Amino acid sequence: MKITELYKDYFQKSRVFVYPALGIRRGASVTPEETFMSWEGYFSVKDTKFCCLYTVAKTHTFQNFEKTKLLVNPRFYDVIKVDDERAVYVFDYQDMIEDWNHIVKGKYSKISKEHKTKIRQYIGLTSGNLPYIDSFLYPEKFFPVYSILIDVNEKLLRDVGELCDKPDFEKETLKIEALQC
């Protein structure tokens, strides 16, 4: 598939650029309601804590997923209940600080080759979204196309260096209180 129009809607950068490092395949039996790069009052972006809000079901499917994918994940840091039905699973990305910082700054082309591979595999090599993701990770190949699409000089795009906007930290920040025990 070729890129013939811009991807105009905001998408959660944490879900596309951070979540794949957990090694959970796309289309898994359980997915987070949403993902965040910070949690107001708990973790700032500088803390490198990735927060996934899940509906905690008492089903075999969720309990198995929690046991085999979340709690044993090498990045698992904590699980914090926010109400009777939901919890935030927190993962530590300190070991990926360089990639984390590139994502925070919107420098997706600077992400390590290894992590770019994980992102592409997570998106799916046959996904219709892959050309967009590739344009964000490897903009060099896509400057001419974007130049035409947005009717701007290619040199200007090359000077900017990226083809995807930075994370919107208003949207990438979880704003919910933890359940007080």
C-alpha atoms as a PDB file:
ATOM      1  CA  MET A   1       0.000   0.000   0.000  1.00  0.00           C
ATOM      2  CA  LYS A   2       1.196   3.481  -0.841  1.00  0.00           C
ATOM      3  CA  ILE A   3       0.632   6.580   1.233  1.00  0.00           C
ATOM      4  CA  THR A   4      -1.877   8.717  -0.651  1.00  0.00           C
ATOM      5  CA  GLU A   5      -3.139  10.898   2.194  1.00  0.00           C
ATOM      6  CA  LEU A   6      -1.948  12.073   5.586  1.00  0.00           C
ATOM      7  CA  TYR A   7      -2.763  10.262   8.779  1.00  0.00           C
ATOM      8  CA  LYS A   8      -4.728  13.119  10.330  1.00  0.00           C
ATOM      9  CA  ASP A   9      -6.174  11.827  13.594  1.00  0.00           C
ATOM     10  CA  TYR A  10      -4.147  11.807  16.786  1.00  0.00           C
ATOM     11  CA  PHE A  11      -3.153   8.323  17.841  1.00  0.00           C
ATOM     12  CA  GLN A  12      -1.801   7.283  21.218  1.00  0.00           C
ATOM     13  CA  LYS A  13       1.959   7.344  20.675  1.00  0.00           C
ATOM     14  CA  SER A  14       2.496   5.145  23.718  1.00  0.00           C
ATOM     15  CA  ARG A  15       0.385   2.355  22.209  1.00  0.00           C
ATOM     16  CA  VAL A  16       2.269   2.394  18.895  1.00  0.00           C
ATOM     17  CA  PHE A  17       5.824   3.231  19.969  1.00  0.00           C
ATOM     18  CA  VAL A  18       6.073   1.978  23.591  1.00  0.00           C
ATOM     19  CA  TYR A  19       3.670  -0.956  24.024  1.00  0.00           C
ATOM     20  CA  PRO A  20       5.446  -3.244  21.490  1.00  0.00           C
ATOM     21  CA  ALA A  21       8.471  -3.479  23.818  1.00  0.00           C
ATOM     22  CA  LEU A  22       6.335  -5.550  26.205  1.00  0.00           C
ATOM     23  CA  GLY A  23       6.425  -8.391  23.685  1.00  0.00           C
ATOM     24  CA  ILE A  24       2.653  -8.840  23.728  1.00  0.00           C
ATOM     25  CA  ARG A  25       1.389  -9.581  20.249  1.00  0.00           C
ATOM     26  CA  ARG A  26      -1.230  -7.442  18.600  1.00  0.00           C
ATOM     27  CA  GLY A  27      -4.618  -9.099  18.721  1.00  0.00           C
ATOM     28  CA  ALA A  28      -3.882 -10.778  22.063  1.00  0.00           C
ATOM     29  CA  SER A  29      -6.904 -12.063  23.976  1.00  0.00           C
ATOM     30  CA  VAL A  30      -6.712  -9.082  26.342  1.00  0.00           C
ATOM     31  CA  THR A  31      -5.816  -5.511  25.448  1.00  0.00           C
ATOM     32  CA  PRO A  32      -5.509  -2.410  27.607  1.00  0.00           C
ATOM     33  CA  GLU A  33      -8.311   0.147  27.554  1.00  0.00           C
ATOM     34  CA  GLU A  34      -5.594   2.719  27.005  1.00  0.00           C
ATOM     35  CA  THR A  35      -1.879   3.290  27.491  1.00  0.00           C
ATOM     36  CA  PHE A  36      -0.013   6.245  28.984  1.00  0.00           C
ATOM     37  CA  MET A  37       3.523   7.564  29.392  1.00  0.00           C
ATOM     38  CA  SER A  38       2.778   9.239  32.722  1.00  0.00           C
ATOM     39  CA  TRP A  39       0.229   9.174  35.531  1.00  0.00           C
ATOM     40  CA  GLU A  40      -0.772  12.471  37.099  1.00  0.00           C
ATOM     41  CA  GLY A  41       0.294  12.538  40.738  1.00  0.00           C
ATOM     42  CA  TYR A  42       2.194   9.248  40.482  1.00  0.00           C
ATOM     43  CA  PHE A  43       4.714   9.071  37.626  1.00  0.00           C
ATOM     44  CA  SER A  44       6.099  11.754  35.337  1.00  0.00           C
ATOM     45  CA  VAL A  45       7.424  11.051  31.850  1.00  0.00           C
ATOM     46  CA  LYS A  46      10.931  11.271  33.325  1.00  0.00           C
ATOM     47  CA  ASP A  47      10.215   8.246  35.533  1.00  0.00           C
ATOM     48  CA  THR A  48      10.125   5.971  32.430  1.00  0.00           C
ATOM     49  CA  LYS A  49       7.024   4.186  33.717  1.00  0.00           C
ATOM     50  CA  PHE A  50       4.578   2.941  31.101  1.00  0.00           C
ATOM     51  CA  CYS A  51       1.013   2.642  32.385  1.00  0.00           C
ATOM     52  CA  CYS A  52      -1.588   0.310  30.887  1.00  0.00           C
ATOM     53  CA  LEU A  53      -5.168   0.631  32.097  1.00  0.00           C
ATOM     54  CA  TYR A  54      -6.930  -2.746  32.035  1.00  0.00           C
ATOM     55  CA  THR A  55     -10.404  -3.893  32.894  1.00  0.00           C
ATOM     56  CA  VAL A  56      -9.699  -6.645  35.401  1.00  0.00           C
ATOM     57  CA  ALA A  57     -12.115  -9.448  34.654  1.00  0.00           C
ATOM     58  CA  LYS A  58     -12.582 -12.511  36.820  1.00  0.00           C
ATOM     59  CA  THR A  59     -12.451 -14.666  33.692  1.00  0.00           C
ATOM     60  CA  HIS A  60     -10.020 -17.455  32.946  1.00  0.00           C
ATOM     61  CA  THR A  61      -8.889 -15.520  29.848  1.00  0.00           C
ATOM     62  CA  PHE A  62      -7.891 -12.408  31.791  1.00  0.00           C
ATOM     63  CA  GLN A  63      -6.381 -14.292  34.718  1.00  0.00           C
ATOM     64  CA  ASN A  64      -4.288 -16.413  32.359  1.00  0.00           C
ATOM     65  CA  PHE A  65      -3.190 -13.311  30.410  1.00  0.00           C
ATOM     66  CA  GLU A  66      -2.272 -11.526  33.640  1.00  0.00           C
ATOM     67  CA  LYS A  67      -0.287 -14.525  34.885  1.00  0.00           C
ATOM     68  CA  THR A  68       1.522 -15.283  31.615  1.00  0.00           C
ATOM     69  CA  LYS A  69       1.980 -11.833  30.028  1.00  0.00           C
ATOM     70  CA  LEU A  70       1.736  -9.043  32.603  1.00  0.00           C
ATOM     71  CA  LEU A  71       3.019 -10.151  36.005  1.00  0.00           C
ATOM     72  CA  VAL A  72       5.973 -12.105  34.592  1.00  0.00           C
ATOM     73  CA  ASN A  73       6.937  -9.459  32.045  1.00  0.00           C
ATOM     74  CA  PRO A  74      10.597  -8.445  32.584  1.00  0.00           C
ATOM     75  CA  ARG A  75       9.486  -4.800  32.665  1.00  0.00           C
ATOM     76  CA  PHE A  76       6.665  -5.353  35.182  1.00  0.00           C
ATOM     77  CA  TYR A  77       6.890  -2.827  38.016  1.00  0.00           C
ATOM     78  CA  ASP A  78       3.537  -2.738  39.840  1.00  0.00           C
ATOM     79  CA  VAL A  79      -0.215  -3.180  39.565  1.00  0.00           C
ATOM     80  CA  ILE A  80      -2.438  -0.539  41.145  1.00  0.00           C
ATOM     81  CA  LYS A  81      -6.214  -0.820  41.424  1.00  0.00           C
ATOM     82  CA  VAL A  82      -8.133   2.308  40.443  1.00  0.00           C
ATOM     83  CA  ASP A  83     -11.643   0.999  41.074  1.00  0.00           C
ATOM     84  CA  ASP A  84     -13.467  -2.313  41.520  1.00  0.00           C
ATOM     85  CA  GLU A  85     -13.175  -3.168  37.833  1.00  0.00           C
ATOM     86  CA  ARG A  86      -9.921  -1.625  36.619  1.00  0.00           C
ATOM     87  CA  ALA A  87      -6.234  -1.591  37.437  1.00  0.00           C
ATOM     88  CA  VAL A  88      -3.137   0.075  36.066  1.00  0.00           C
ATOM     89  CA  TYR A  89      -0.272  -2.246  35.224  1.00  0.00           C
ATOM     90  CA  VAL A  90       2.950  -0.264  35.384  1.00  0.00           C
ATOM     91  CA  PHE A  91       6.087  -1.236  33.479  1.00  0.00           C
ATOM     92  CA  ASP A  92       9.596   0.169  33.902  1.00  0.00           C
ATOM     93  CA  TYR A  93      11.388   1.268  30.731  1.00  0.00           C
ATOM     94  CA  GLN A  94      14.604   2.461  32.365  1.00  0.00           C
ATOM     95  CA  ASP A  95      16.561  -0.162  30.407  1.00  0.00           C
ATOM     96  CA  MET A  96      15.291   1.504  27.209  1.00  0.00           C
ATOM     97  CA  ILE A  97      15.894   5.091  28.313  1.00  0.00           C
ATOM     98  CA  GLU A  98      17.375   6.181  24.970  1.00  0.00           C
ATOM     99  CA  ASP A  99      14.422   4.876  22.953  1.00  0.00           C
ATOM    100  CA  TRP A 100      12.008   6.216  25.596  1.00  0.00           C
ATOM    101  CA  ASN A 101      13.560   9.690  25.326  1.00  0.00           C
ATOM    102  CA  HIS A 102      13.427   9.609  21.509  1.00  0.00           C
ATOM    103  CA  ILE A 103       9.718   8.781  21.709  1.00  0.00           C
ATOM    104  CA  VAL A 104       9.091  11.513  24.288  1.00  0.00           C
ATOM    105  CA  LYS A 105      10.792  14.059  22.015  1.00  0.00           C
ATOM    106  CA  GLY A 106       8.982  12.819  18.900  1.00  0.00           C
ATOM    107  CA  LYS A 107      12.248  11.650  17.338  1.00  0.00           C
ATOM    108  CA  TYR A 108      10.864   8.339  16.104  1.00  0.00           C
ATOM    109  CA  SER A 109      13.496   7.995  13.387  1.00  0.00           C
ATOM    110  CA  LYS A 110      16.145   7.882  16.133  1.00  0.00           C
ATOM    111  CA  ILE A 111      14.637   4.814  17.851  1.00  0.00           C
ATOM    112  CA  SER A 112      17.019   1.847  17.901  1.00  0.00           C
ATOM    113  CA  LYS A 113      16.887  -0.629  15.050  1.00  0.00           C
ATOM    114  CA  GLU A 114      15.922  -3.405  17.473  1.00  0.00           C
ATOM    115  CA  HIS A 115      12.941  -1.491  18.815  1.00  0.00           C
ATOM    116  CA  LYS A 116      11.864  -0.377  15.330  1.00  0.00           C
ATOM    117  CA  THR A 117      11.717  -4.074  14.410  1.00  0.00           C
ATOM    118  CA  LYS A 118       9.483  -4.787  17.421  1.00  0.00           C
ATOM    119  CA  ILE A 119       7.175  -1.917  16.471  1.00  0.00           C
ATOM    120  CA  ARG A 120       6.879  -3.123  12.880  1.00  0.00           C
ATOM    121  CA  GLN A 121       6.231  -6.706  13.984  1.00  0.00           C
ATOM    122  CA  TYR A 122       3.584  -5.527  16.432  1.00  0.00           C
ATOM    123  CA  ILE A 123       1.808  -3.453  13.764  1.00  0.00           C
ATOM    124  CA  GLY A 124       1.974  -6.396  11.383  1.00  0.00           C
ATOM    125  CA  LEU A 125       3.919  -6.673   8.190  1.00  0.00           C
ATOM    126  CA  THR A 126       0.690  -6.953   6.182  1.00  0.00           C
ATOM    127  CA  SER A 127      -1.156  -4.144   7.991  1.00  0.00           C
ATOM    128  CA  GLY A 128      -2.486  -1.236   5.973  1.00  0.00           C
ATOM    129  CA  ASN A 129      -1.006   1.032   8.669  1.00  0.00           C
ATOM    130  CA  LEU A 130       2.546  -0.220   8.173  1.00  0.00           C
ATOM    131  CA  PRO A 131       3.444   2.328   5.450  1.00  0.00           C
ATOM    132  CA  TYR A 132       2.518   5.128   7.860  1.00  0.00           C
ATOM    133  CA  ILE A 133       4.529   3.564  10.679  1.00  0.00           C
ATOM    134  CA  ASP A 134       7.455   3.073   8.302  1.00  0.00           C
ATOM    135  CA  SER A 135       7.233   6.725   7.284  1.00  0.00           C
ATOM    136  CA  PHE A 136       7.514   7.698  10.958  1.00  0.00           C
ATOM    137  CA  LEU A 137      10.410   5.325  11.676  1.00  0.00           C
ATOM    138  CA  TYR A 138      12.255   5.786   8.351  1.00  0.00           C
ATOM    139  CA  PRO A 139      11.244   9.267   7.127  1.00  0.00           C
ATOM    140  CA  GLU A 140      14.169   9.553   4.712  1.00  0.00           C
ATOM    141  CA  LYS A 141      12.333   7.326   2.232  1.00  0.00           C
ATOM    142  CA  PHE A 142       9.092   9.294   2.549  1.00  0.00           C
ATOM    143  CA  PHE A 143      10.084  12.978   2.431  1.00  0.00           C
ATOM    144  CA  PRO A 144       9.248  13.266  -1.295  1.00  0.00           C
ATOM    145  CA  VAL A 145       5.749  11.776  -0.809  1.00  0.00           C
ATOM    146  CA  TYR A 146       4.922  13.946   2.202  1.00  0.00           C
ATOM    147  CA  SER A 147       6.301  17.003   0.414  1.00  0.00           C
ATOM    148  CA  ILE A 148       3.690  16.512  -2.300  1.00  0.00           C
ATOM    149  CA  LEU A 149       0.877  15.609   0.125  1.00  0.00           C
ATOM    150  CA  ILE A 150       1.293  18.711   2.269  1.00  0.00           C
ATOM    151  CA  ASP A 151       2.572  20.938  -0.518  1.00  0.00           C
ATOM    152  CA  VAL A 152       5.735  22.009   1.233  1.00  0.00           C
ATOM    153  CA  ASN A 153       9.338  22.109   0.131  1.00  0.00           C
ATOM    154  CA  GLU A 154      11.067  18.771   0.701  1.00  0.00           C
ATOM    155  CA  LYS A 155      14.084  20.541   2.189  1.00  0.00           C
ATOM    156  CA  LEU A 156      11.883  21.957   4.940  1.00  0.00           C
ATOM    157  CA  LEU A 157      10.698  18.442   5.824  1.00  0.00           C
ATOM    158  CA  ARG A 158      14.265  17.197   5.825  1.00  0.00           C
ATOM    159  CA  ASP A 159      15.244  20.049   8.140  1.00  0.00           C
ATOM    160  CA  VAL A 160      12.471  19.049  10.570  1.00  0.00           C
ATOM    161  CA  GLY A 161      13.546  15.438  10.205  1.00  0.00           C
ATOM    162  CA  GLU A 162      10.358  13.737  11.406  1.00  0.00           C
ATOM    163  CA  LEU A 163       7.018  13.012   9.761  1.00  0.00           C
ATOM    164  CA  CYS A 164       4.948  12.330  12.876  1.00  0.00           C
ATOM    165  CA  ASP A 165       3.924  14.766  15.581  1.00  0.00           C
ATOM    166  CA  LYS A 166       5.257  14.563  19.121  1.00  0.00           C
ATOM    167  CA  PRO A 167       3.232  12.856  21.822  1.00  0.00           C
ATOM    168  CA  ASP A 168       0.443  15.020  23.225  1.00  0.00           C
ATOM    169  CA  PHE A 169       1.169  14.681  26.925  1.00  0.00           C
ATOM    170  CA  GLU A 170      -2.308  15.860  27.816  1.00  0.00           C
ATOM    171  CA  LYS A 171      -3.542  12.685  26.114  1.00  0.00           C
ATOM    172  CA  GLU A 172      -0.579  10.539  27.155  1.00  0.00           C
ATOM    173  CA  THR A 173      -1.127  11.230  30.873  1.00  0.00           C
ATOM    174  CA  LEU A 174      -3.472   9.047  32.904  1.00  0.00           C
ATOM    175  CA  LYS A 175      -5.713  11.173  35.091  1.00  0.00           C
ATOM    176  CA  ILE A 176      -7.371   8.894  37.605  1.00  0.00           C
ATOM    177  CA  GLU A 177      -6.884   8.288  41.309  1.00  0.00           C
ATOM    178  CA  ALA A 178      -5.682   4.986  42.685  1.00  0.00           C
ATOM    179  CA  LEU A 179      -8.091   3.091  44.901  1.00  0.00           C
ATOM    180  CA  GLN A 180      -7.275   3.767  48.532  1.00  0.00           C
ATOM    181  CA  CYS A 181      -7.008   0.544  50.508  1.00  0.00           C
END
